[in-house]
Protein backbone atom coordinates (compact mmCIF):
# COMPACT_ATOMS: atom_id res chain seq x y z
CA UNK A 1 28.25 -24.04 39.37
CA UNK A 2 31.11 -22.66 41.44
CA UNK A 3 33.36 -22.21 38.36
CA UNK A 4 30.88 -19.77 36.65
CA UNK A 5 31.04 -16.02 36.87
CA UNK A 6 28.84 -14.80 39.64
CA UNK A 7 25.60 -13.25 38.35
CA UNK A 8 24.40 -11.31 41.27
CA UNK A 9 22.02 -12.43 44.04
CA UNK A 10 20.49 -15.38 42.08
CA UNK A 11 20.91 -18.53 44.16
CA UNK A 12 21.82 -21.87 42.69
CA UNK A 13 18.26 -23.15 43.26
CA UNK A 14 16.68 -20.46 41.02
CA UNK A 15 19.20 -20.71 38.22
CA UNK A 16 18.08 -23.66 36.09
CA UNK A 17 17.08 -22.88 32.53
CA UNK A 18 13.39 -22.30 31.67
CA UNK A 19 12.23 -22.34 35.23
CA UNK A 20 14.63 -19.58 36.38
CA UNK A 21 12.68 -16.97 38.24
CA UNK A 22 12.68 -13.62 36.50
CA UNK A 23 13.95 -10.96 38.80
CA UNK A 24 13.48 -7.22 38.60
CA UNK A 25 17.18 -6.55 37.94
CA UNK A 26 17.42 -9.37 35.30
CA UNK A 27 20.07 -8.15 32.72
CA UNK A 28 18.61 -10.32 29.99
CA UNK A 29 16.07 -7.84 28.65
CA UNK A 30 15.73 -7.96 24.87
CA UNK A 31 16.87 -4.80 23.35
CA UNK A 32 16.68 -3.83 19.70
CA UNK A 33 19.42 -1.47 18.36
CA UNK A 34 19.51 0.11 14.96
CA UNK A 35 22.98 0.28 13.47
CA UNK A 36 24.00 2.78 10.86
CA UNK A 37 26.16 1.36 8.13
CA UNK A 38 27.23 4.00 5.68
CA UNK A 39 26.88 3.13 2.11
CA UNK A 40 24.74 0.01 2.84
CA UNK A 41 21.04 -0.03 1.94
CA UNK A 42 19.69 -2.66 4.24
CA UNK A 43 16.09 -2.20 3.16
CA UNK A 44 16.85 -2.79 -0.48
CA UNK A 45 18.95 -5.80 0.39
CA UNK A 46 16.08 -7.14 2.56
CA UNK A 47 13.62 -6.57 -0.29
CA UNK A 48 15.88 -8.37 -2.69
CA UNK A 49 16.21 -11.37 -0.32
CA UNK A 50 12.39 -11.58 0.09
CA UNK A 51 12.06 -11.60 -3.69
CA UNK A 52 14.77 -14.28 -4.05
CA UNK A 53 13.04 -16.44 -1.54
CA UNK A 54 9.58 -16.17 -3.13
CA UNK A 55 11.04 -16.81 -6.56
CA UNK A 56 12.72 -19.95 -5.27
CA UNK A 57 9.24 -21.08 -4.01
CA UNK A 58 7.90 -20.72 -7.58
CA UNK A 59 5.86 -17.49 -7.07
CA UNK A 60 4.95 -15.46 -9.99
CA UNK A 61 5.73 -11.80 -10.50
CA UNK A 62 2.17 -10.86 -9.47
CA UNK A 63 2.24 -12.92 -6.33
CA UNK A 64 5.46 -11.38 -5.19
CA UNK A 65 4.19 -7.90 -6.10
CA UNK A 66 1.00 -8.46 -4.03
CA UNK A 67 3.07 -9.60 -1.04
CA UNK A 68 4.82 -6.20 -1.11
CA UNK A 69 1.55 -4.35 -1.39
CA UNK A 70 -0.23 -6.19 1.49
CA UNK A 71 0.14 -4.22 4.72
CA UNK A 72 -0.38 -7.45 6.64
CA UNK A 73 3.16 -8.48 5.72
CA UNK A 74 5.01 -5.94 7.61
CA UNK A 75 8.59 -6.60 6.28
CA UNK A 76 7.72 -6.55 2.62
CA UNK A 77 5.25 -3.70 2.97
CA UNK A 78 7.75 -1.66 4.85
CA UNK A 79 10.33 -2.20 2.12
CA UNK A 80 7.77 -1.02 -0.44
CA UNK A 81 7.04 2.11 1.51
CA UNK A 82 10.83 2.98 2.07
CA UNK A 83 12.05 2.05 -1.37
CA UNK A 84 9.03 2.93 -3.56
CA UNK A 85 6.99 0.86 -6.02
CA UNK A 86 9.26 1.52 -8.95
CA UNK A 87 12.39 0.30 -7.04
CA UNK A 88 10.59 -2.81 -5.91
CA UNK A 89 9.33 -3.49 -9.43
CA UNK A 90 12.96 -3.03 -10.71
CA UNK A 91 14.11 -5.53 -8.06
CA UNK A 92 11.53 -8.06 -9.02
CA UNK A 93 12.65 -7.67 -12.71
CA UNK A 94 16.29 -7.95 -11.72
CA UNK A 95 15.84 -11.10 -9.72
CA UNK A 96 13.10 -12.88 -11.68
CA UNK A 97 13.72 -11.49 -15.19
CA UNK A 98 11.04 -9.81 -17.27
CA UNK A 99 7.37 -10.68 -16.44
CA UNK A 100 6.09 -13.35 -18.91
CA UNK A 101 3.46 -12.09 -21.38
CA UNK A 102 0.24 -13.90 -21.10
CA UNK A 103 -1.09 -15.43 -24.28
């Protein structure tokens, strides 16, 4: 371990994968960061990706729509709240084509 970059006061005995003792100064604290990307609508891109995945699994228009409407599915429901129902409906149509008419 001598060729590694020193990482503070952690001894060689405590530095071994999953059993490493967490220390108060541990620099590996998960941190979420929001990045602004001008001109890129990440929420719409995320919604389109959800729809594409559900369509590939064989879901119907109604099943996809209900996934967005269900608050238990945080990602899809957040996209619905941010983009609006009309935008989500348009994305569903863009990805899956017009909804088939029932006979």
